[in-house]
Amino acid sequence: MLTNTIEEKQITAASLVIKGSAQEQVLIQQSKVLSTGTVSLIEKICEQFNDEVAELLNMRVLKQQSIDKGTLPAFLTETKQIRDSQWCVAPIPKDLQDRRVELTGPVDRDTLINGINSNAKVFIADFEDALAPSWEHILKGQKNLRDVINEKEDKIDSVNDDARMKTVLMCRIRGLHMLEKHVTFKGEPIPAAFFDFCVYFHNNYLKLLEKESAPYFYIPKLESHLEARLWAKIFAFVEDRYCLRPGTIKCTCLIETLPAVFEMEEILYELRANIVALNCGRWDYIFSYIKTLKNHKDRILPDTQAVTMNASLMSAYSRLLVKTCHKRGAMAIGGLAASIPSEKTDSNAQLLTHVFNDKKVEASHGHDGTWVAHVGLIDTSMAAFEQFIGVNHKNQLHVTRDVDAPITAKELLMPCQGERTEEGMRLNLRIALQYIQAWINGQACVPIYGLLEDASTAEIARTSIWQWIKHQVLISNGLRVTKSLVKKMLIEELAKVKQEIGDHEFTHGRYTQAAVLLENMLLADELVDFLTEPASNLLIA
């Protein structure tokens, strides 16, 4: 029997248990978000698909073991027929045909309202890289989304009417590898992605359809077309359960892992009834490149600042995504600009010029739109795309890139040129320290050195240094990267962070805990897959 009152600390539905919280405020949020129907849907999805998630995650492990032993990622021979045959994805809904600039941000109330009120074409409510997944944050985020979409209940007055009509809302759920520890199915934590998807869908699908839109999702961290097939089955199952037309649910998949870039056509094919676009998750892609090829000494990247979209491997990735999407009738969305506009006129002009040029590269490749992390970058990014798309056009689906030479695995795997420097290492240590400290304090979208950083930046920082240690890289000043050198640098950079932020903030923060966690990850013999896994043990609930 389902119980759903604030006096209860647990909600149960057959094999599903939601452990909740003893705090009254959190329990109230829980009662508003987790209705009987929502909990029932979560249970049914877990019942149908939990075992498949476990199999897919095990396949990731086996594939990585093969790569670690020397096999390089490649296009699949067994799916060549899919790549060679004629097919297209289902038609793109009217409200998703113009995605020139998408604003992404966390799901707190103010950010969500500002996003909906912005002049971005899409606002992406991010439950993944921009959320530290405490139970309270997750529930508040889902309630905020429900309040914005379902205007008549708990109405948020500061969302203007024009924005409601113009800004399309999408929900970025968590990756398949993440667990929601507050919910168990048959005694085990459930995939966090299932929780995010079910709650957002059930609470909002009717109102979204009434608005002539639909439930739209961003699917992150895919590593294979078989994972895309799982989502296709989930979408079909839910559409049938709710008596919806097949293909009602729409998704965009982030191509932000190295394995996935070799299966883009297959991912589109598996999701062809529901998918509308692929996205270049550029920062997570760099992280994945390092993580996937960590044992390959000839694939070590230079300082992160050298890995721009003009770098050969990033350009190949971007152009292949455009070519693949447009061939199949899907849109291609570019990567994130994370700069924070400056209050100084000269500095801001320089920053916006950099953003404009960066977005112009994506637009010239044929992308239909791009991501920004700050509202102050929307107009600049829109201007870059309008140079190629035009003011009166919505996308570049006509750009086929058929004149390009075939993009090969060699191009996608070739590391870019650039220096590996002590300065770059030290910057990575400071960034990782400050981000991890913020994350375990519940903040996952953090301004650091003029950029609005999410988890991907810290992932690049710590995996890059780990790989340099593993292969005893010789940096530009002649020093060899060793565990003892990195440990010494970490102590020095922790002191520098303290000097930068001041004694009071340092003392009242959790910088020492962050340093210990970072050191453990950097000096471990085996690379930790995701920093959020050990960090979650320190997260303020």
Protein backbone atom coordinates (compact mmCIF):
# COMPACT_ATOMS: atom_id res chain seq x y z
CA MET A 1 0.00 0.00 0.00
CA LEU A 2 1.30 3.47 -0.81
CA THR A 3 1.62 6.00 1.99
CA ASN A 4 2.24 9.61 1.14
CA THR A 5 2.02 11.89 4.18
CA ILE A 6 4.61 14.11 5.76
CA GLU A 7 4.53 12.04 8.96
CA GLU A 8 6.07 9.09 7.12
CA LYS A 9 9.85 8.80 6.73
CA GLN A 10 9.49 6.18 4.03
CA ILE A 11 7.21 5.72 1.06
CA THR A 12 6.73 2.15 -0.06
CA ALA A 13 5.13 0.64 -3.12
CA ALA A 14 5.59 -3.14 -3.30
CA SER A 15 9.34 -3.59 -3.95
CA LEU A 16 10.11 0.15 -4.08
CA VAL A 17 11.10 2.09 -0.97
CA ILE A 18 11.67 5.84 -0.84
CA LYS A 19 13.65 6.54 2.28
CA GLY A 20 12.98 10.24 2.40
CA SER A 21 14.08 12.51 5.22
CA ALA A 22 13.11 13.25 8.80
CA GLN A 23 13.21 17.02 8.13
CA GLU A 24 9.69 18.42 7.86
CA GLN A 25 10.58 20.85 5.06
CA VAL A 26 12.03 18.03 2.93
CA LEU A 27 9.06 15.80 3.70
CA ILE A 28 6.70 18.50 2.47
CA GLN A 29 8.68 18.76 -0.78
CA GLN A 30 8.58 14.99 -1.06
CA SER A 31 4.81 14.86 -0.63
CA LYS A 32 4.33 17.41 -3.42
CA VAL A 33 6.65 15.71 -5.90
CA LEU A 34 6.10 12.00 -5.27
CA SER A 35 2.45 11.23 -5.91
CA THR A 36 1.02 7.72 -6.02
CA GLY A 37 1.22 7.72 -9.82
CA THR A 38 4.82 8.92 -9.85
CA VAL A 39 5.95 6.26 -7.41
CA SER A 40 4.07 3.59 -9.36
CA LEU A 41 5.82 4.61 -12.59
CA ILE A 42 9.25 4.49 -10.95
CA GLU A 43 8.50 1.01 -9.65
CA LYS A 44 7.32 -0.26 -13.06
CA ILE A 45 10.37 1.15 -14.86
CA CYS A 46 12.71 -0.45 -12.31
CA GLU A 47 10.84 -3.74 -12.56
CA GLN A 48 11.13 -3.77 -16.35
CA PHE A 49 14.61 -2.34 -16.93
CA ASN A 50 16.87 -2.49 -13.84
CA ASP A 51 18.55 -5.73 -14.90
CA GLU A 52 19.31 -4.30 -18.32
CA VAL A 53 21.08 -1.31 -16.78
CA ALA A 54 23.32 -3.65 -14.80
CA GLU A 55 24.18 -5.56 -17.99
CA LEU A 56 24.96 -2.36 -19.90
CA LEU A 57 27.21 -1.02 -17.15
CA ASN A 58 29.07 -4.33 -17.10
CA MET A 59 29.54 -4.04 -20.86
CA ARG A 60 31.17 -0.64 -20.27
CA VAL A 61 33.64 -2.27 -17.90
CA LEU A 62 34.50 -5.05 -20.34
CA LYS A 63 34.97 -2.59 -23.21
CA GLN A 64 37.24 -0.40 -21.10
CA GLN A 65 39.31 -3.41 -20.10
CA SER A 66 39.83 -4.20 -23.78
CA ILE A 67 40.89 -0.60 -24.49
CA ASP A 68 43.23 -0.65 -21.49
CA LYS A 69 44.94 -3.68 -23.01
CA GLY A 70 45.61 -1.87 -26.28
CA THR A 71 42.47 -2.06 -28.45
CA LEU A 72 41.51 1.36 -29.76
CA PRO A 73 37.88 2.47 -30.18
CA ALA A 74 36.61 2.08 -33.75
CA PHE A 75 33.48 2.17 -35.87
CA LEU A 76 31.53 -1.08 -35.44
CA THR A 77 31.69 -3.66 -38.21
CA GLU A 78 28.52 -5.40 -37.00
CA THR A 79 26.38 -2.29 -37.54
CA LYS A 80 27.79 -1.24 -40.91
CA GLN A 81 24.44 -2.01 -42.57
CA ILE A 82 22.73 0.63 -40.41
CA ARG A 83 25.30 3.24 -41.45
CA ASP A 84 25.01 2.27 -45.12
CA SER A 85 21.21 2.09 -45.37
CA GLN A 86 18.66 4.87 -45.96
CA TRP A 87 16.58 6.01 -43.00
CA CYS A 88 15.76 9.18 -41.05
CA VAL A 89 14.60 10.05 -37.56
CA ALA A 90 10.97 11.07 -37.01
CA PRO A 91 10.00 14.67 -37.83
CA ILE A 92 11.17 17.32 -35.36
CA PRO A 93 8.36 19.05 -33.42
CA LYS A 94 7.72 22.69 -34.29
CA ASP A 95 8.92 24.05 -30.94
CA LEU A 96 12.28 22.25 -31.26
CA GLN A 97 13.17 23.43 -34.75
CA ASP A 98 14.92 26.60 -33.53
CA ARG A 99 17.63 25.84 -30.99
CA ARG A 100 20.21 28.45 -31.95
CA VAL A 101 21.13 29.19 -28.33
CA GLU A 102 20.35 26.93 -25.39
CA LEU A 103 20.93 28.14 -21.84
CA THR A 104 21.81 25.46 -19.31
CA GLY A 105 21.76 25.76 -15.55
CA PRO A 106 20.87 24.15 -12.25
CA VAL A 107 17.31 23.64 -11.08
CA ASP A 108 17.16 26.09 -8.19
CA ARG A 109 14.20 28.46 -8.31
CA ASP A 110 16.02 31.66 -9.27
CA THR A 111 18.12 30.09 -12.02
CA LEU A 112 15.09 28.36 -13.47
CA ILE A 113 13.04 31.56 -13.51
CA ASN A 114 15.90 33.53 -15.06
CA GLY A 115 16.33 30.80 -17.68
CA ILE A 116 12.67 30.78 -18.61
CA ASN A 117 12.65 34.58 -18.73
CA SER A 118 15.78 34.75 -20.90
CA ASN A 119 15.81 35.13 -24.66
CA ALA A 120 17.41 31.73 -25.15
CA LYS A 121 15.50 29.37 -27.43
CA VAL A 122 15.77 26.52 -24.90
CA PHE A 123 16.44 26.34 -21.17
CA ILE A 124 18.00 23.07 -20.00
CA ALA A 125 17.23 22.25 -16.38
CA ASP A 126 20.27 20.21 -15.38
CA PHE A 127 19.99 17.45 -12.80
CA GLU A 128 23.39 16.05 -13.80
CA ASP A 129 26.65 18.03 -13.93
CA ALA A 130 25.14 21.19 -12.39
CA LEU A 131 23.47 19.49 -9.41
CA ALA A 132 24.97 18.15 -6.18
CA PRO A 133 22.38 15.41 -5.67
CA SER A 134 21.23 15.82 -2.08
CA TRP A 135 17.68 14.61 -1.56
CA GLU A 136 16.51 18.14 -0.81
CA HIS A 137 18.10 19.57 -3.98
CA ILE A 138 16.54 16.87 -6.16
CA LEU A 139 13.06 17.29 -4.73
CA LYS A 140 13.20 21.09 -4.82
CA GLY A 141 14.38 20.97 -8.42
CA GLN A 142 11.52 18.74 -9.49
CA LYS A 143 9.02 20.88 -7.60
CA ASN A 144 10.39 24.05 -9.20
CA LEU A 145 9.93 22.54 -12.65
CA ARG A 146 6.42 21.39 -11.85
CA ASP A 147 5.53 24.85 -10.54
CA VAL A 148 6.79 26.59 -13.68
CA ILE A 149 5.05 24.18 -16.06
CA ASN A 150 1.78 23.77 -14.16
CA GLU A 151 1.01 27.46 -13.82
CA LYS A 152 -2.29 27.14 -11.98
CA GLU A 153 -0.75 25.31 -9.01
CA ASP A 154 1.82 27.06 -6.80
CA LYS A 155 2.19 29.60 -9.58
CA ILE A 156 5.55 31.34 -9.96
CA ASP A 157 4.47 34.88 -10.88
CA SER A 158 7.90 36.05 -12.05
CA VAL A 159 7.80 33.88 -15.17
CA ASN A 160 6.46 36.21 -17.82
CA ASP A 161 3.83 35.18 -20.35
CA ASP A 162 6.04 35.77 -23.39
CA ALA A 163 8.74 33.51 -21.97
CA ARG A 164 6.19 30.77 -21.35
CA MET A 165 5.40 30.76 -25.03
CA LYS A 166 8.93 31.21 -26.43
CA THR A 167 11.41 29.38 -24.20
CA VAL A 168 11.30 25.62 -24.56
CA LEU A 169 12.05 23.66 -21.40
CA MET A 170 14.18 20.51 -21.44
CA CYS A 171 15.20 18.28 -18.54
CA ARG A 172 18.73 16.89 -18.39
CA ILE A 173 18.54 13.76 -16.28
CA ARG A 174 21.44 12.01 -14.58
CA GLY A 175 23.56 9.37 -16.30
CA LEU A 176 22.94 5.63 -16.13
CA HIS A 177 26.02 5.09 -13.96
CA MET A 178 24.59 7.21 -11.11
CA LEU A 179 22.48 5.78 -8.30
CA GLU A 180 19.70 7.43 -6.34
CA LYS A 181 20.54 6.23 -2.85
CA HIS A 182 17.31 7.60 -1.36
CA VAL A 183 15.21 5.15 -3.39
CA THR A 184 15.66 1.37 -3.39
CA PHE A 185 14.12 -1.38 -5.48
CA LYS A 186 14.32 -4.84 -3.92
CA GLY A 187 16.79 -3.44 -1.43
CA GLU A 188 19.20 -1.83 -3.94
CA PRO A 189 19.54 1.85 -4.92
CA ILE A 190 17.85 2.56 -8.25
CA PRO A 191 19.39 4.23 -11.33
CA ALA A 192 19.17 7.98 -10.74
CA ALA A 193 18.21 8.45 -14.39
CA PHE A 194 15.04 6.43 -13.85
CA PHE A 195 14.04 8.59 -10.89
CA ASP A 196 14.65 11.88 -12.73
CA PHE A 197 12.85 10.72 -15.86
CA CYS A 198 9.80 9.30 -14.13
CA VAL A 199 9.23 12.22 -11.77
CA TYR A 200 9.60 14.88 -14.46
CA PHE A 201 7.46 12.95 -16.95
CA HIS A 202 4.57 12.03 -14.66
CA ASN A 203 4.31 15.42 -12.99
CA ASN A 204 4.39 17.47 -16.17
CA TYR A 205 3.40 15.55 -19.31
CA LEU A 206 -0.27 16.60 -19.37
CA LYS A 207 0.44 20.30 -18.99
CA LEU A 208 3.27 20.16 -21.54
CA LEU A 209 0.97 18.52 -24.08
CA GLU A 210 -1.70 21.11 -23.33
CA LYS A 211 0.90 23.79 -24.18
CA GLU A 212 1.45 22.07 -27.56
CA SER A 213 4.85 20.89 -26.37
CA ALA A 214 5.84 17.54 -24.79
CA PRO A 215 8.24 16.02 -22.28
CA TYR A 216 11.71 16.77 -23.70
CA PHE A 217 14.85 15.22 -22.24
CA TYR A 218 18.61 15.48 -22.52
CA ILE A 219 20.23 12.05 -22.12
CA PRO A 220 23.86 12.29 -20.90
CA LYS A 221 26.91 10.04 -20.81
CA LEU A 222 25.79 7.38 -23.32
CA GLU A 223 28.58 5.03 -24.32
CA SER A 224 26.88 2.76 -26.86
CA HIS A 225 23.87 2.34 -29.13
CA LEU A 226 22.70 -0.47 -26.85
CA GLU A 227 22.23 2.12 -24.11
CA ALA A 228 20.24 4.20 -26.60
CA ARG A 229 18.15 1.09 -27.32
CA LEU A 230 17.32 0.86 -23.62
CA TRP A 231 15.99 4.43 -23.64
CA ALA A 232 13.98 3.71 -26.78
CA LYS A 233 12.33 0.81 -24.97
CA ILE A 234 11.66 2.95 -21.88
CA PHE A 235 10.07 5.70 -23.96
CA ALA A 236 7.89 3.20 -25.83
CA PHE A 237 6.86 1.52 -22.56
CA VAL A 238 5.83 4.84 -20.98
CA GLU A 239 4.03 6.10 -24.09
CA ASP A 240 2.00 2.88 -24.19
CA ARG A 241 1.28 3.00 -20.44
CA TYR A 242 -0.02 6.56 -20.70
CA CYS A 243 -1.86 6.01 -24.01
CA LEU A 244 0.33 8.51 -25.88
CA ARG A 245 1.14 8.54 -29.56
CA PRO A 246 4.44 6.71 -30.22
CA GLY A 247 7.24 9.25 -30.45
CA THR A 248 5.57 11.80 -28.14
CA ILE A 249 8.55 11.87 -25.78
CA LYS A 250 11.52 13.55 -27.44
CA CYS A 251 15.16 13.48 -26.48
CA THR A 252 18.54 14.90 -27.38
CA CYS A 253 21.56 12.73 -26.64
CA LEU A 254 24.84 14.21 -25.51
CA ILE A 255 27.78 12.73 -27.39
CA GLU A 256 30.23 13.35 -24.60
CA THR A 257 32.09 10.04 -24.37
CA LEU A 258 34.75 8.76 -26.72
CA PRO A 259 33.05 5.36 -27.26
CA ALA A 260 29.79 7.07 -28.26
CA VAL A 261 31.35 9.16 -31.03
CA PHE A 262 31.95 5.93 -32.97
CA GLU A 263 28.27 4.92 -32.64
CA MET A 264 26.41 8.15 -33.40
CA GLU A 265 24.47 6.82 -36.38
CA GLU A 266 23.51 3.72 -34.44
CA ILE A 267 22.35 5.86 -31.49
CA LEU A 268 20.15 7.88 -33.82
CA TYR A 269 18.81 4.70 -35.39
CA GLU A 270 17.86 3.05 -32.10
CA LEU A 271 16.05 6.21 -30.94
CA ARG A 272 14.72 7.24 -34.34
CA ALA A 273 11.10 7.53 -33.12
CA ASN A 274 12.04 9.83 -30.24
CA ILE A 275 15.34 11.57 -30.92
CA VAL A 276 15.62 15.06 -32.41
CA ALA A 277 19.31 15.94 -31.98
CA LEU A 278 22.79 15.07 -30.81
CA ASN A 279 24.92 17.48 -28.79
CA CYS A 280 28.69 18.02 -28.62
CA GLY A 281 29.30 17.79 -24.87
CA ARG A 282 32.80 19.13 -25.47
CA TRP A 283 34.15 19.31 -21.91
CA ASP A 284 32.93 15.88 -20.85
CA TYR A 285 34.23 14.59 -24.19
CA ILE A 286 37.76 15.76 -23.30
CA PHE A 287 37.37 14.09 -19.91
CA SER A 288 36.21 10.89 -21.58
CA TYR A 289 39.10 10.98 -24.07
CA ILE A 290 41.58 11.07 -21.18
CA LYS A 291 39.72 8.46 -19.13
CA THR A 292 39.17 6.04 -22.01
CA LEU A 293 42.74 6.24 -23.32
CA LYS A 294 44.39 6.51 -19.90
CA ASN A 295 46.73 3.54 -20.57
CA HIS A 296 47.83 4.77 -23.99
CA LYS A 297 51.05 6.73 -23.58
CA ASP A 298 50.85 8.09 -27.13
CA ARG A 299 47.41 9.67 -26.53
CA ILE A 300 48.24 12.14 -23.74
CA LEU A 301 46.72 15.60 -24.13
CA PRO A 302 48.48 18.92 -23.45
CA ASP A 303 47.22 21.60 -21.04
CA THR A 304 43.43 21.85 -21.20
CA GLN A 305 43.61 25.40 -22.54
CA ALA A 306 45.19 24.02 -25.76
CA VAL A 307 42.29 21.65 -26.44
CA THR A 308 40.03 24.09 -28.29
CA MET A 309 37.40 23.40 -30.93
CA ASN A 310 40.08 24.24 -33.52
CA ALA A 311 42.21 21.32 -32.31
CA SER A 312 42.15 18.50 -34.87
CA LEU A 313 40.47 15.86 -32.71
CA MET A 314 37.77 18.33 -31.54
CA SER A 315 37.14 19.65 -35.05
CA ALA A 316 36.78 16.10 -36.37
CA TYR A 317 34.35 15.28 -33.55
CA SER A 318 32.26 18.39 -34.22
CA ARG A 319 32.15 17.98 -38.00
CA LEU A 320 31.32 14.28 -37.81
CA LEU A 321 28.45 14.98 -35.45
CA VAL A 322 27.00 17.58 -37.84
CA LYS A 323 27.39 15.32 -40.87
CA THR A 324 25.85 12.35 -39.06
CA CYS A 325 22.87 14.27 -37.67
CA HIS A 326 21.94 16.11 -40.84
CA LYS A 327 22.24 12.94 -42.92
CA ARG A 328 19.53 11.43 -40.72
CA GLY A 329 17.27 14.49 -40.30
CA ALA A 330 18.39 15.28 -36.75
CA MET A 331 19.77 18.55 -35.45
CA ALA A 332 23.35 19.10 -34.27
CA ILE A 333 23.90 21.20 -31.14
CA GLY A 334 27.30 22.63 -30.24
CA GLY A 335 29.14 22.68 -26.93
CA LEU A 336 29.10 24.85 -23.83
CA ALA A 337 30.56 28.34 -23.41
CA ALA A 338 31.12 28.73 -19.67
CA SER A 339 32.53 32.28 -19.51
CA ILE A 340 31.07 34.75 -17.01
CA PRO A 341 30.70 38.29 -18.39
CA SER A 342 32.99 40.79 -16.68
CA GLU A 343 31.97 44.10 -15.11
CA LYS A 344 35.04 45.73 -16.68
CA THR A 345 34.21 47.07 -20.13
CA ASP A 346 37.55 46.21 -21.77
CA SER A 347 37.70 42.72 -20.26
CA ASN A 348 34.09 42.02 -21.20
CA ALA A 349 34.60 43.10 -24.81
CA GLN A 350 37.57 40.74 -25.06
CA LEU A 351 35.60 37.91 -23.46
CA LEU A 352 32.59 38.35 -25.75
CA THR A 353 34.86 38.46 -28.79
CA HIS A 354 36.35 35.14 -27.71
CA VAL A 355 32.87 33.63 -27.25
CA PHE A 356 31.72 35.00 -30.61
CA ASN A 357 34.71 33.46 -32.41
CA ASP A 358 34.25 30.15 -30.61
CA LYS A 359 30.59 29.97 -31.58
CA LYS A 360 31.39 31.04 -35.12
CA VAL A 361 33.56 27.92 -35.47
CA GLU A 362 30.60 25.73 -34.44
CA ALA A 363 28.22 27.57 -36.75
CA SER A 364 30.67 27.27 -39.64
CA HIS A 365 30.81 23.51 -39.08
CA GLY A 366 27.02 23.44 -39.60
CA HIS A 367 25.72 23.18 -36.05
CA ASP A 368 22.12 24.25 -35.57
CA GLY A 369 22.66 25.75 -32.14
CA THR A 370 24.90 25.86 -29.12
CA TRP A 371 25.03 25.94 -25.32
CA VAL A 372 25.83 28.81 -22.96
CA ALA A 373 26.00 28.81 -19.16
CA HIS A 374 25.28 32.51 -18.60
CA VAL A 375 22.48 34.74 -19.86
CA GLY A 376 25.07 37.39 -20.72
CA LEU A 377 26.39 35.18 -23.53
CA ILE A 378 23.07 34.59 -25.30
CA ASP A 379 23.05 37.61 -27.60
CA THR A 380 26.70 37.16 -28.62
CA SER A 381 26.20 33.49 -29.40
CA MET A 382 22.98 34.23 -31.29
CA ALA A 383 24.80 36.80 -33.41
CA ALA A 384 27.48 34.26 -34.33
CA PHE A 385 24.86 31.78 -35.50
CA GLU A 386 22.83 34.37 -37.36
CA GLN A 387 25.86 35.02 -39.57
CA PHE A 388 25.48 31.49 -40.93
CA ILE A 389 21.82 30.64 -40.42
CA GLY A 390 20.39 34.07 -41.08
CA VAL A 391 17.94 36.07 -38.99
CA ASN A 392 14.86 34.48 -40.58
CA HIS A 393 15.97 30.85 -40.52
CA LYS A 394 15.83 28.38 -37.67
CA ASN A 395 18.55 25.82 -38.30
CA GLN A 396 21.16 24.47 -40.72
CA LEU A 397 19.67 21.06 -41.48
CA HIS A 398 20.47 21.72 -45.14
CA VAL A 399 24.23 21.62 -44.40
CA THR A 400 25.20 18.06 -45.28
CA ARG A 401 29.02 18.30 -45.30
CA ASP A 402 28.94 15.75 -48.13
CA VAL A 403 31.96 17.47 -49.68
CA ASP A 404 34.08 16.54 -46.66
CA ALA A 405 36.47 13.64 -46.84
CA PRO A 406 35.36 10.78 -44.60
CA ILE A 407 36.32 11.43 -40.98
CA THR A 408 38.37 8.50 -39.77
CA ALA A 409 39.00 6.88 -36.42
CA LYS A 410 42.60 8.06 -36.72
CA GLU A 411 41.46 11.72 -36.77
CA LEU A 412 39.16 11.24 -33.81
CA LEU A 413 41.86 9.57 -31.73
CA MET A 414 44.83 11.79 -32.63
CA PRO A 415 45.89 13.95 -29.64
CA CYS A 416 46.34 17.65 -30.33
CA GLN A 417 49.59 19.54 -30.10
CA GLY A 418 50.46 21.83 -27.20
CA GLU A 419 52.64 22.17 -24.14
CA ARG A 420 52.29 20.30 -20.88
CA THR A 421 53.25 22.82 -18.25
CA GLU A 422 53.70 23.17 -14.50
CA GLU A 423 51.44 26.22 -14.62
CA GLY A 424 48.73 24.13 -16.26
CA MET A 425 49.06 21.43 -13.59
CA ARG A 426 48.86 23.94 -10.76
CA LEU A 427 45.80 25.60 -12.29
CA ASN A 428 44.13 22.19 -12.59
CA LEU A 429 44.82 21.49 -8.93
CA ARG A 430 43.29 24.80 -7.79
CA ILE A 431 40.24 24.35 -10.00
CA ALA A 432 39.66 20.79 -8.81
CA LEU A 433 40.11 21.80 -5.16
CA GLN A 434 37.63 24.64 -5.35
CA TYR A 435 35.07 22.69 -7.35
CA ILE A 436 35.15 19.60 -5.10
CA GLN A 437 34.86 21.82 -2.02
CA ALA A 438 31.79 23.49 -3.47
CA TRP A 439 30.28 20.19 -4.60
CA ILE A 440 30.48 18.49 -1.21
CA ASN A 441 28.87 21.64 0.20
CA GLY A 442 25.94 21.15 -2.18
CA GLN A 443 26.89 23.56 -4.97
CA ALA A 444 27.62 22.01 -8.38
CA CYS A 445 27.61 25.07 -10.65
CA VAL A 446 30.51 27.20 -9.45
CA PRO A 447 32.20 30.43 -10.63
CA ILE A 448 35.97 29.80 -10.72
CA TYR A 449 38.44 32.19 -12.37
CA GLY A 450 35.83 33.78 -14.61
CA LEU A 451 34.14 30.56 -15.74
CA LEU A 452 30.92 28.98 -14.54
CA GLU A 453 32.21 25.48 -13.94
CA ASP A 454 30.35 22.20 -13.57
CA ALA A 455 31.64 18.70 -12.81
CA SER A 456 33.26 18.18 -16.22
CA THR A 457 35.97 20.79 -15.57
CA ALA A 458 37.11 19.17 -12.34
CA GLU A 459 36.98 15.77 -14.06
CA ILE A 460 39.35 16.98 -16.80
CA ALA A 461 41.66 18.54 -14.20
CA ARG A 462 42.10 15.49 -12.00
CA THR A 463 42.15 12.81 -14.75
CA SER A 464 44.75 14.76 -16.73
CA ILE A 465 47.09 14.93 -13.74
CA TRP A 466 46.45 11.26 -12.90
CA GLN A 467 47.44 10.24 -16.43
CA TRP A 468 50.56 12.43 -16.32
CA ILE A 469 51.56 10.66 -13.09
CA LYS A 470 50.88 7.22 -14.56
CA HIS A 471 53.11 7.85 -17.56
CA GLN A 472 55.72 9.96 -15.72
CA VAL A 473 55.21 12.82 -18.20
CA LEU A 474 58.07 15.28 -18.66
CA ILE A 475 56.59 18.79 -18.52
CA SER A 476 57.95 21.85 -20.33
CA ASN A 477 60.32 22.98 -17.56
CA GLY A 478 62.04 19.59 -17.40
CA LEU A 479 60.28 18.25 -14.30
CA ARG A 480 58.96 14.69 -14.39
CA VAL A 481 55.45 14.26 -13.00
CA THR A 482 55.47 11.88 -10.05
CA LYS A 483 53.22 11.21 -7.09
CA SER A 484 55.59 13.04 -4.75
CA LEU A 485 55.71 16.10 -7.04
CA VAL A 486 51.92 16.25 -7.30
CA LYS A 487 51.52 15.81 -3.53
CA LYS A 488 53.92 18.71 -2.94
CA MET A 489 52.12 20.89 -5.52
CA LEU A 490 48.73 20.08 -3.99
CA ILE A 491 49.86 21.36 -0.58
CA GLU A 492 51.21 24.52 -2.17
CA GLU A 493 48.08 25.12 -4.26
CA LEU A 494 45.83 24.57 -1.24
CA ALA A 495 47.78 27.33 0.50
CA LYS A 496 47.38 29.53 -2.58
CA VAL A 497 43.63 28.97 -2.63
CA LYS A 498 43.52 29.97 1.05
CA GLN A 499 45.41 33.15 0.21
CA GLU A 500 43.04 33.91 -2.70
CA ILE A 501 39.79 33.47 -0.78
CA GLY A 502 40.90 34.62 2.68
CA ASP A 503 41.18 32.93 6.08
CA HIS A 504 37.50 33.31 7.00
CA GLU A 505 36.07 31.61 3.93
CA PHE A 506 38.75 28.94 4.00
CA THR A 507 38.10 28.15 7.68
CA HIS A 508 34.34 27.96 7.16
CA GLY A 509 34.66 25.87 3.99
CA ARG A 510 35.64 22.23 3.51
CA TYR A 511 38.84 22.78 1.57
CA THR A 512 40.94 20.38 3.65
CA GLN A 513 38.42 17.58 3.09
CA ALA A 514 38.38 18.39 -0.62
CA ALA A 515 42.18 18.26 -0.71
CA VAL A 516 42.26 14.86 0.97
CA LEU A 517 39.68 13.49 -1.45
CA LEU A 518 41.50 14.96 -4.45
CA GLU A 519 44.84 13.59 -3.28
CA ASN A 520 43.37 10.11 -2.85
CA MET A 521 42.00 10.20 -6.40
CA LEU A 522 45.20 11.59 -7.94
CA LEU A 523 47.51 9.11 -6.23
CA ALA A 524 45.30 6.02 -6.61
CA ASP A 525 46.75 3.20 -8.71
CA GLU A 526 43.44 2.86 -10.58
CA LEU A 527 41.62 5.87 -12.04
CA VAL A 528 38.36 6.68 -10.28
CA ASP A 529 35.64 6.69 -12.94
CA PHE A 530 33.71 9.73 -11.69
CA LEU A 531 34.72 12.06 -8.86
CA THR A 532 31.08 12.32 -7.80
CA GLU A 533 31.17 8.70 -6.62
CA PRO A 534 33.58 9.17 -3.68
CA ALA A 535 32.49 12.81 -3.24
CA SER A 536 28.88 11.74 -2.66
CA ASN A 537 29.95 10.19 0.64
CA LEU A 538 30.85 13.70 1.85
CA LEU A 539 27.88 15.50 0.31
CA ILE A 540 25.70 17.41 2.72
CA ALA A 541 22.41 15.48 2.56
